[in-house]
């Protein structure tokens, strides 16, 4: 028998908050992923010297990009760990109904599936010759950041092939970002 006036239980609200926190983390990650241009594979070229003949130092920018991939992976893992802990905390609640437990377990399973797919994609891209890559699967698609001076059509197709073989994501929902 259901109580009158009670639409949502505490556990349903907690699960909803955790899902929203996970969605916000994915959105923030996608928002701060650098883009190189309007078109997939578009490269921008930078001269090694300034217009007045002075040499421009570019090594600091290269070091920052090297750390970019490590930083993104670390932040992604920390965010996911926080979301997982929150969902597990919700699961340990004594006031949780069976439906809420099933919902929380489904979210954990979904997170684990995404993490496995992202790791598989990153590993396969490395095997295909991309030195560094980060894959981020969201609710509406995937963003893949690869270390590259610019992508050829063949490289873009390789990346798309890896993604479609590992996930059910449509080509229109794949975003590939080359980073120098």
C-alpha atoms as a PDB file:
ATOM      1  CA  UNK A   1       0.000   0.000   0.000  1.00  0.00           C
ATOM      2  CA  UNK A   2       1.372   3.393  -0.988  1.00  0.00           C
ATOM      3  CA  UNK A   3       1.352   6.394   1.316  1.00  0.00           C
ATOM      4  CA  UNK A   4      -0.616   9.391   0.115  1.00  0.00           C
ATOM      5  CA  UNK A   5       1.385  12.446  -0.842  1.00  0.00           C
ATOM      6  CA  UNK A   6       4.691  10.581  -1.188  1.00  0.00           C
ATOM      7  CA  UNK A   7       5.755  10.663  -4.833  1.00  0.00           C
ATOM      8  CA  UNK A   8       9.498  10.006  -4.513  1.00  0.00           C
ATOM      9  CA  UNK A   9      11.356   8.086  -1.838  1.00  0.00           C
ATOM     10  CA  UNK A  10      14.694   9.150  -0.389  1.00  0.00           C
ATOM     11  CA  UNK A  11      16.469   6.366  -2.219  1.00  0.00           C
ATOM     12  CA  UNK A  12      14.953   7.321  -5.579  1.00  0.00           C
ATOM     13  CA  UNK A  13      16.098  10.890  -5.068  1.00  0.00           C
ATOM     14  CA  UNK A  14      19.593   9.711  -4.090  1.00  0.00           C
ATOM     15  CA  UNK A  15      19.878   7.523  -7.203  1.00  0.00           C
ATOM     16  CA  UNK A  16      18.653  10.408  -9.366  1.00  0.00           C
ATOM     17  CA  UNK A  17      21.215  12.768  -7.811  1.00  0.00           C
ATOM     18  CA  UNK A  18      24.007  10.251  -8.491  1.00  0.00           C
ATOM     19  CA  UNK A  19      22.930   9.832 -12.109  1.00  0.00           C
ATOM     20  CA  UNK A  20      22.826  13.610 -12.549  1.00  0.00           C
ATOM     21  CA  UNK A  21      26.305  13.923 -10.983  1.00  0.00           C
ATOM     22  CA  UNK A  22      27.653  11.328 -13.415  1.00  0.00           C
ATOM     23  CA  UNK A  23      26.000  13.092 -16.351  1.00  0.00           C
ATOM     24  CA  UNK A  24      27.467  16.423 -15.213  1.00  0.00           C
ATOM     25  CA  UNK A  25      30.937  14.881 -14.989  1.00  0.00           C
ATOM     26  CA  UNK A  26      30.666  13.515 -18.535  1.00  0.00           C
ATOM     27  CA  UNK A  27      29.375  16.869 -19.810  1.00  0.00           C
ATOM     28  CA  UNK A  28      32.225  18.784 -18.127  1.00  0.00           C
ATOM     29  CA  UNK A  29      34.756  16.371 -19.576  1.00  0.00           C
ATOM     30  CA  UNK A  30      33.327  16.836 -23.071  1.00  0.00           C
ATOM     31  CA  UNK A  31      33.100  20.616 -22.638  1.00  0.00           C
ATOM     32  CA  UNK A  32      36.772  20.981 -21.747  1.00  0.00           C
ATOM     33  CA  UNK A  33      38.002  18.635 -24.462  1.00  0.00           C
ATOM     34  CA  UNK A  34      39.862  20.873 -26.916  1.00  0.00           C
ATOM     35  CA  UNK A  35      38.588  21.138 -30.465  1.00  0.00           C
ATOM     36  CA  UNK A  36      40.836  21.806 -33.410  1.00  0.00           C
ATOM     37  CA  UNK A  37      38.424  23.253 -35.930  1.00  0.00           C
ATOM     38  CA  UNK A  38      35.074  23.026 -37.638  1.00  0.00           C
ATOM     39  CA  UNK A  39      35.802  19.932 -39.695  1.00  0.00           C
ATOM     40  CA  UNK A  40      36.871  16.448 -38.714  1.00  0.00           C
ATOM     41  CA  UNK A  41      40.574  15.976 -39.312  1.00  0.00           C
ATOM     42  CA  UNK A  42      41.160  19.661 -40.071  1.00  0.00           C
ATOM     43  CA  UNK A  43      44.712  20.602 -39.187  1.00  0.00           C
ATOM     44  CA  UNK A  44      46.049  24.000 -38.277  1.00  0.00           C
ATOM     45  CA  UNK A  45      49.663  24.756 -39.085  1.00  0.00           C
ATOM     46  CA  UNK A  46      51.920  26.872 -36.931  1.00  0.00           C
ATOM     47  CA  UNK A  47      55.127  28.466 -38.103  1.00  0.00           C
ATOM     48  CA  UNK A  48      58.262  27.906 -36.035  1.00  0.00           C
ATOM     49  CA  UNK A  49      59.145  31.601 -36.051  1.00  0.00           C
ATOM     50  CA  UNK A  50      57.394  34.886 -35.545  1.00  0.00           C
ATOM     51  CA  UNK A  51      56.858  37.458 -38.314  1.00  0.00           C
ATOM     52  CA  UNK A  52      59.762  39.628 -37.156  1.00  0.00           C
ATOM     53  CA  UNK A  53      62.253  36.740 -37.358  1.00  0.00           C
ATOM     54  CA  UNK A  54      62.456  35.865 -33.671  1.00  0.00           C
ATOM     55  CA  UNK A  55      62.336  32.196 -32.777  1.00  0.00           C
ATOM     56  CA  UNK A  56      59.258  31.049 -30.920  1.00  0.00           C
ATOM     57  CA  UNK A  57      59.710  28.523 -28.132  1.00  0.00           C
ATOM     58  CA  UNK A  58      57.205  25.669 -28.532  1.00  0.00           C
ATOM     59  CA  UNK A  59      58.504  22.977 -26.157  1.00  0.00           C
ATOM     60  CA  UNK A  60      56.374  24.145 -23.215  1.00  0.00           C
ATOM     61  CA  UNK A  61      53.198  23.576 -25.234  1.00  0.00           C
ATOM     62  CA  UNK A  62      54.332  20.064 -26.126  1.00  0.00           C
ATOM     63  CA  UNK A  63      54.877  19.196 -22.450  1.00  0.00           C
ATOM     64  CA  UNK A  64      51.383  20.441 -21.597  1.00  0.00           C
ATOM     65  CA  UNK A  65      49.835  18.233 -24.274  1.00  0.00           C
ATOM     66  CA  UNK A  66      51.793  15.214 -23.021  1.00  0.00           C
ATOM     67  CA  UNK A  67      50.251  15.729 -19.601  1.00  0.00           C
ATOM     68  CA  UNK A  68      46.773  16.320 -21.083  1.00  0.00           C
ATOM     69  CA  UNK A  69      46.078  12.627 -21.721  1.00  0.00           C
ATOM     70  CA  UNK A  70      47.277  11.535 -18.289  1.00  0.00           C
ATOM     71  CA  UNK A  71      45.315  14.321 -16.598  1.00  0.00           C
ATOM     72  CA  UNK A  72      42.075  13.522 -18.428  1.00  0.00           C
ATOM     73  CA  UNK A  73      42.308   9.817 -17.602  1.00  0.00           C
ATOM     74  CA  UNK A  74      43.069  10.581 -13.952  1.00  0.00           C
ATOM     75  CA  UNK A  75      40.158  13.029 -13.635  1.00  0.00           C
ATOM     76  CA  UNK A  76      37.821  10.584 -15.392  1.00  0.00           C
ATOM     77  CA  UNK A  77      38.761   7.810 -12.950  1.00  0.00           C
ATOM     78  CA  UNK A  78      38.351  10.092  -9.909  1.00  0.00           C
ATOM     79  CA  UNK A  79      34.902  11.244 -11.061  1.00  0.00           C
ATOM     80  CA  UNK A  80      33.783   7.700 -11.712  1.00  0.00           C
ATOM     81  CA  UNK A  81      35.104   6.507  -8.373  1.00  0.00           C
ATOM     82  CA  UNK A  82      33.105   9.236  -6.611  1.00  0.00           C
ATOM     83  CA  UNK A  83      29.942   8.312  -8.530  1.00  0.00           C
ATOM     84  CA  UNK A  84      30.483   4.611  -7.803  1.00  0.00           C
ATOM     85  CA  UNK A  85      30.973   5.279  -4.091  1.00  0.00           C
ATOM     86  CA  UNK A  86      27.805   7.375  -3.992  1.00  0.00           C
ATOM     87  CA  UNK A  87      25.796   4.655  -5.722  1.00  0.00           C
ATOM     88  CA  UNK A  88      27.243   1.986  -3.399  1.00  0.00           C
ATOM     89  CA  UNK A  89      26.370   4.190  -0.429  1.00  0.00           C
ATOM     90  CA  UNK A  90      22.839   4.395  -1.759  1.00  0.00           C
ATOM     91  CA  UNK A  91      22.741   0.604  -2.136  1.00  0.00           C
ATOM     92  CA  UNK A  92      23.714   0.197   1.526  1.00  0.00           C
ATOM     93  CA  UNK A  93      20.749   2.308   2.626  1.00  0.00           C
ATOM     94  CA  UNK A  94      18.243   0.306   4.690  1.00  0.00           C
ATOM     95  CA  UNK A  95      15.262   2.226   3.252  1.00  0.00           C
ATOM     96  CA  UNK A  96      15.992   1.123  -0.323  1.00  0.00           C
ATOM     97  CA  UNK A  97      13.306  -0.775  -2.204  1.00  0.00           C
ATOM     98  CA  UNK A  98      14.125  -3.663  -4.523  1.00  0.00           C
ATOM     99  CA  UNK A  99      13.367  -1.485  -7.567  1.00  0.00           C
ATOM    100  CA  UNK A 100      15.788   1.179  -6.371  1.00  0.00           C
ATOM    101  CA  UNK A 101      18.474  -1.451  -5.780  1.00  0.00           C
ATOM    102  CA  UNK A 102      17.960  -2.800  -9.292  1.00  0.00           C
ATOM    103  CA  UNK A 103      18.206   0.729 -10.700  1.00  0.00           C
ATOM    104  CA  UNK A 104      21.425   1.461  -8.803  1.00  0.00           C
ATOM    105  CA  UNK A 105      22.949  -1.867  -9.857  1.00  0.00           C
ATOM    106  CA  UNK A 106      21.987  -1.139 -13.474  1.00  0.00           C
ATOM    107  CA  UNK A 107      23.822   2.200 -13.257  1.00  0.00           C
ATOM    108  CA  UNK A 108      26.929   0.501 -11.864  1.00  0.00           C
ATOM    109  CA  UNK A 109      26.749  -2.075 -14.653  1.00  0.00           C
ATOM    110  CA  UNK A 110      26.380   0.679 -17.255  1.00  0.00           C
ATOM    111  CA  UNK A 111      29.402   2.535 -15.829  1.00  0.00           C
ATOM    112  CA  UNK A 112      31.462  -0.657 -15.872  1.00  0.00           C
ATOM    113  CA  UNK A 113      30.460  -1.346 -19.480  1.00  0.00           C
ATOM    114  CA  UNK A 114      31.413   2.168 -20.556  1.00  0.00           C
ATOM    115  CA  UNK A 115      34.743   1.951 -18.753  1.00  0.00           C
ATOM    116  CA  UNK A 116      35.532  -1.378 -20.411  1.00  0.00           C
ATOM    117  CA  UNK A 117      34.605  -0.046 -23.866  1.00  0.00           C
ATOM    118  CA  UNK A 118      36.696   3.105 -23.359  1.00  0.00           C
ATOM    119  CA  UNK A 119      39.717   1.054 -22.271  1.00  0.00           C
ATOM    120  CA  UNK A 120      39.308  -1.339 -25.219  1.00  0.00           C
ATOM    121  CA  UNK A 121      39.032   1.565 -27.682  1.00  0.00           C
ATOM    122  CA  UNK A 122      42.123   3.293 -26.239  1.00  0.00           C
ATOM    123  CA  UNK A 123      44.121   0.035 -26.373  1.00  0.00           C
ATOM    124  CA  UNK A 124      43.074  -0.742 -29.953  1.00  0.00           C
ATOM    125  CA  UNK A 125      43.892   2.793 -31.100  1.00  0.00           C
ATOM    126  CA  UNK A 126      47.350   2.482 -29.569  1.00  0.00           C
ATOM    127  CA  UNK A 127      47.801  -0.812 -31.429  1.00  0.00           C
ATOM    128  CA  UNK A 128      46.783   0.956 -34.665  1.00  0.00           C
ATOM    129  CA  UNK A 129      49.608   3.456 -34.232  1.00  0.00           C
ATOM    130  CA  UNK A 130      48.017   6.310 -32.297  1.00  0.00           C
ATOM    131  CA  UNK A 131      50.555   7.126 -29.596  1.00  0.00           C
ATOM    132  CA  UNK A 132      48.018   8.489 -27.106  1.00  0.00           C
ATOM    133  CA  UNK A 133      44.230   8.417 -27.075  1.00  0.00           C
ATOM    134  CA  UNK A 134      41.404   9.091 -24.631  1.00  0.00           C
ATOM    135  CA  UNK A 135      37.862   7.866 -25.250  1.00  0.00           C
ATOM    136  CA  UNK A 136      34.902   9.290 -23.334  1.00  0.00           C
ATOM    137  CA  UNK A 137      31.524   7.636 -23.809  1.00  0.00           C
ATOM    138  CA  UNK A 138      28.557   9.813 -22.879  1.00  0.00           C
ATOM    139  CA  UNK A 139      24.806   9.304 -22.992  1.00  0.00           C
ATOM    140  CA  UNK A 140      24.538  10.635 -26.539  1.00  0.00           C
ATOM    141  CA  UNK A 141      27.796   9.542 -28.154  1.00  0.00           C
ATOM    142  CA  UNK A 142      31.547   9.291 -27.840  1.00  0.00           C
ATOM    143  CA  UNK A 143      34.437  11.740 -27.984  1.00  0.00           C
ATOM    144  CA  UNK A 144      37.893  10.447 -28.830  1.00  0.00           C
ATOM    145  CA  UNK A 145      40.954  12.647 -28.415  1.00  0.00           C
ATOM    146  CA  UNK A 146      44.076  11.380 -30.204  1.00  0.00           C
ATOM    147  CA  UNK A 147      47.601  12.751 -30.315  1.00  0.00           C
ATOM    148  CA  UNK A 148      48.121  13.754 -33.933  1.00  0.00           C
ATOM    149  CA  UNK A 149      49.286  16.676 -36.055  1.00  0.00           C
ATOM    150  CA  UNK A 150      46.226  16.120 -38.225  1.00  0.00           C
ATOM    151  CA  UNK A 151      44.243  13.098 -39.270  1.00  0.00           C
ATOM    152  CA  UNK A 152      44.050  11.630 -42.740  1.00  0.00           C
ATOM    153  CA  UNK A 153      40.798  10.168 -44.021  1.00  0.00           C
ATOM    154  CA  UNK A 154      42.257   6.679 -43.540  1.00  0.00           C
ATOM    155  CA  UNK A 155      43.111   7.409 -39.894  1.00  0.00           C
ATOM    156  CA  UNK A 156      39.647   8.825 -39.271  1.00  0.00           C
ATOM    157  CA  UNK A 157      38.116   5.678 -40.735  1.00  0.00           C
ATOM    158  CA  UNK A 158      40.379   3.515 -38.547  1.00  0.00           C
ATOM    159  CA  UNK A 159      39.201   5.331 -35.437  1.00  0.00           C
ATOM    160  CA  UNK A 160      35.550   5.073 -36.479  1.00  0.00           C
ATOM    161  CA  UNK A 161      35.984   1.353 -37.225  1.00  0.00           C
ATOM    162  CA  UNK A 162      37.455   0.709 -33.778  1.00  0.00           C
ATOM    163  CA  UNK A 163      34.603   2.608 -32.096  1.00  0.00           C
ATOM    164  CA  UNK A 164      31.802   0.929 -34.045  1.00  0.00           C
ATOM    165  CA  UNK A 165      33.330  -2.517 -33.468  1.00  0.00           C
ATOM    166  CA  UNK A 166      33.472  -1.947 -29.689  1.00  0.00           C
ATOM    167  CA  UNK A 167      30.178  -0.086 -29.191  1.00  0.00           C
ATOM    168  CA  UNK A 168      26.727   0.393 -30.701  1.00  0.00           C
ATOM    169  CA  UNK A 169      27.384   4.101 -31.268  1.00  0.00           C
ATOM    170  CA  UNK A 170      26.363   5.507 -34.650  1.00  0.00           C
ATOM    171  CA  UNK A 171      28.915   7.314 -36.845  1.00  0.00           C
ATOM    172  CA  UNK A 172      26.994  10.576 -36.466  1.00  0.00           C
ATOM    173  CA  UNK A 173      27.541  10.403 -32.685  1.00  0.00           C
ATOM    174  CA  UNK A 174      31.331  10.028 -32.907  1.00  0.00           C
ATOM    175  CA  UNK A 175      33.489  13.103 -32.294  1.00  0.00           C
ATOM    176  CA  UNK A 176      37.213  12.787 -33.046  1.00  0.00           C
ATOM    177  CA  UNK A 177      39.572  15.497 -31.833  1.00  0.00           C
ATOM    178  CA  UNK A 178      43.240  15.521 -32.862  1.00  0.00           C
ATOM    179  CA  UNK A 179      45.598  17.183 -30.350  1.00  0.00           C
ATOM    180  CA  UNK A 180      49.242  18.005 -31.071  1.00  0.00           C
END
